[in-house]
Amino acid sequence: MVGGRLIEIGEMEPGVTRLWCVGIGQEHGDECAVHVETAPAMPLLGDEIWWQAGKVYWDKDRRHLRKIGNSYDPRQPHRNAMGNLLL
């Protein structure tokens, strides 16, 4: 899964925001999250987002954010960029 409809936006640490989305179409019901560098312009709940090559796109590809790390299943424990386990 490389994108979907945004269902949650949360600050993970200063300057880092988690975008949590649910799949649409063929991936309906799957969930995935990605961390981005917080910016003045951010997507809103319900927006469709997708990511590739270090960027997260939204607003019909007119806007993008810098992606931090890899996407992951937010329902499972994972590690942050420093290797610390996050629950």
Protein backbone atom coordinates (compact mmCIF):
# COMPACT_ATOMS: atom_id res chain seq x y z
CA MET A 1 0.00 0.00 0.00
CA VAL A 2 1.39 3.39 -0.94
CA GLY A 3 -1.46 5.68 0.05
CA GLY A 4 -5.12 6.07 0.86
CA ARG A 5 -7.64 8.30 2.64
CA LEU A 6 -6.27 10.15 5.67
CA ILE A 7 -8.00 9.10 8.92
CA GLU A 8 -5.61 10.46 11.57
CA ILE A 9 -2.96 13.15 11.86
CA GLY A 10 -0.71 13.19 14.91
CA GLU A 11 2.48 14.86 16.07
CA MET A 12 5.05 12.18 16.91
CA GLU A 13 7.75 14.59 18.08
CA PRO A 14 8.53 18.23 17.33
CA GLY A 15 8.75 18.65 13.56
CA VAL A 16 7.51 15.12 12.76
CA THR A 17 3.87 14.30 11.96
CA ARG A 18 2.32 10.87 11.42
CA LEU A 19 -0.24 10.53 8.63
CA TRP A 20 -2.41 7.43 9.09
CA CYS A 21 -4.56 6.34 6.18
CA VAL A 22 -6.94 3.60 5.16
CA GLY A 23 -6.76 2.01 1.75
CA ILE A 24 -9.29 2.70 -0.97
CA GLY A 25 -10.22 0.72 -4.04
CA GLN A 26 -8.46 -2.64 -4.22
CA GLU A 27 -6.74 -2.00 -0.84
CA HIS A 28 -10.00 -1.05 0.94
CA GLY A 29 -9.70 -1.63 4.67
CA ASP A 30 -5.88 -1.86 4.81
CA GLU A 31 -4.23 0.69 7.08
CA CYS A 32 -0.81 2.27 6.73
CA ALA A 33 1.04 5.24 8.21
CA VAL A 34 3.97 7.38 7.21
CA HIS A 35 5.92 10.10 8.99
CA VAL A 36 6.51 13.46 7.35
CA GLU A 37 8.36 16.63 8.14
CA THR A 38 5.78 19.02 9.63
CA ALA A 39 5.10 21.97 7.32
CA PRO A 40 2.86 25.05 7.31
CA ALA A 41 0.58 23.43 4.68
CA MET A 42 -0.53 19.92 5.61
CA PRO A 43 -3.22 17.57 4.27
CA LEU A 44 -6.53 17.39 6.14
CA LEU A 45 -8.54 14.45 7.43
CA GLY A 46 -10.31 12.81 4.51
CA ASP A 47 -7.71 13.89 1.92
CA GLU A 48 -6.23 11.23 -0.31
CA ILE A 49 -2.46 10.91 0.01
CA TRP A 50 0.20 8.72 -1.60
CA TRP A 51 3.97 8.44 -1.33
CA GLN A 52 7.00 7.58 -3.42
CA ALA A 53 10.72 8.41 -3.46
CA GLY A 54 10.86 10.36 -0.20
CA LYS A 55 7.76 12.48 -0.76
CA VAL A 56 4.10 12.33 0.27
CA TYR A 57 1.69 13.86 -2.25
CA TRP A 58 -1.83 15.21 -1.84
CA ASP A 59 -4.19 17.77 -3.41
CA LYS A 60 -4.14 15.90 -6.74
CA ASP A 61 -0.31 15.88 -6.71
CA ARG A 62 -0.10 19.68 -6.46
CA ARG A 63 1.44 19.58 -2.96
CA HIS A 64 4.02 17.39 -1.29
CA LEU A 65 5.83 16.85 2.01
CA ARG A 66 9.19 15.30 2.84
CA LYS A 67 8.69 11.68 3.95
CA ILE A 68 10.72 10.43 6.92
CA GLY A 69 11.55 6.72 7.00
CA ASN A 70 9.35 3.93 5.68
CA SER A 71 5.61 3.39 5.80
CA TYR A 72 4.32 0.89 8.37
CA ASP A 73 1.20 -0.69 9.86
CA PRO A 74 0.31 1.72 12.70
CA ARG A 75 -1.61 -1.04 14.51
CA GLN A 76 1.67 -2.90 15.15
CA PRO A 77 4.65 -1.86 17.34
CA HIS A 78 7.37 -0.16 15.30
CA ARG A 79 10.67 1.67 15.72
CA ASN A 80 11.32 5.34 15.14
CA ALA A 81 14.23 6.72 13.12
CA MET A 82 16.51 6.37 16.15
CA GLY A 83 15.63 2.67 16.55
CA ASN A 84 13.52 3.14 19.68
CA LEU A 85 10.49 0.87 19.97
CA LEU A 86 7.22 2.82 19.82
CA LEU A 87 3.97 1.26 20.99
